[in-house]
Protein backbone atom coordinates (compact mmCIF):
# COMPACT_ATOMS: atom_id res chain seq x y z
CA MET A 1 72.11 176.77 108.15
CA THR A 2 75.23 174.53 106.26
CA GLU A 3 74.26 173.39 102.43
CA THR A 4 75.06 169.69 102.26
CA ALA A 5 75.17 167.73 99.07
CA GLU A 6 76.98 163.76 98.40
CA TYR A 7 77.73 162.33 95.83
CA ASP A 8 78.42 158.44 94.57
CA ALA A 9 81.33 158.04 93.41
CA THR A 10 81.87 154.85 93.52
CA GLY A 11 82.34 152.36 90.65
CA LEU A 12 84.85 154.90 88.79
CA LEU A 13 88.02 155.14 88.22
CA CYS A 14 90.50 158.17 88.56
CA PRO A 15 90.28 160.89 87.69
CA LEU A 16 86.22 161.05 87.56
CA PRO A 17 85.76 160.58 91.07
CA VAL A 18 87.86 164.39 91.91
CA LEU A 19 86.01 165.42 88.92
CA ARG A 20 82.61 164.86 89.35
CA ALA A 21 82.97 166.01 92.81
CA ASN A 22 84.76 169.57 91.62
CA ARG A 23 81.72 169.77 89.30
CA LYS A 24 78.90 169.43 92.55
CA LEU A 25 81.47 171.77 94.81
CA ARG A 26 80.82 174.05 92.30
CA GLU A 27 76.84 174.17 92.57
CA LEU A 28 77.04 174.55 96.74
CA ALA A 29 77.73 177.98 97.98
CA VAL A 30 80.63 178.67 100.20
CA GLY A 31 80.73 176.64 103.37
CA GLY A 32 79.44 173.98 101.77
CA LEU A 33 79.74 170.30 102.63
CA LEU A 34 79.91 167.81 100.25
CA THR A 35 80.35 163.98 101.00
CA VAL A 36 81.54 161.86 98.73
CA ARG A 37 82.03 158.05 97.88
CA ALA A 38 84.03 156.52 96.32
CA THR A 39 86.29 152.82 95.66
CA ASP A 40 89.11 153.98 93.27
CA PRO A 41 92.13 153.62 95.79
CA ALA A 42 93.06 156.54 94.11
CA ALA A 43 91.28 158.64 95.24
CA GLU A 44 93.03 158.29 99.15
CA GLN A 45 95.81 160.41 97.59
CA ASP A 46 93.58 162.15 94.76
CA PHE A 47 91.66 164.31 97.21
CA PRO A 48 94.18 165.47 99.87
CA ALA A 49 95.53 166.56 96.98
CA TYR A 50 93.04 168.69 94.77
CA CYS A 51 91.72 169.91 98.84
CA LYS A 52 95.30 170.86 98.74
CA GLN A 53 94.99 172.31 95.03
CA THR A 54 91.94 174.20 95.13
CA GLY A 55 91.79 175.55 98.63
CA HIS A 56 89.00 174.03 99.99
CA GLU A 57 88.65 172.00 103.07
CA LEU A 58 89.20 168.41 103.54
CA VAL A 59 87.44 167.95 106.73
CA SER A 60 87.20 163.81 107.20
CA SER A 61 88.50 160.93 105.62
CA ARG A 62 87.53 157.40 106.02
CA ARG A 63 86.87 153.49 104.68
CA GLU A 64 83.65 152.13 105.31
CA GLY A 65 84.57 148.52 104.14
CA ASP A 66 85.54 149.31 100.33
CA VAL A 67 84.31 152.34 100.03
CA LEU A 68 86.01 156.30 100.67
CA ILE A 69 84.31 158.51 102.30
CA PHE A 70 85.39 162.15 102.17
CA VAL A 71 83.81 164.84 103.07
CA ILE A 72 84.70 168.55 101.61
CA LYS A 73 83.85 172.04 102.81
CA LYS A 74 84.08 174.18 100.11
CA ARG A 75 86.53 177.50 100.71
């Protein structure tokens, strides 16, 4: 079974959502999924760039109202 975790970064501003998500990802086993919720508009660019730099897979990103939701798979 795939390990999953969630991190609520709503209300935090760049670069905190990515930094805190990175810390949470370190706790997961390889292949684990982290769902991040963020309200900082910069997160829309930050998370894809972060995944490209680190090799983690951005499984999905979507918007629910003002909240951006990213699902990241740990490499």
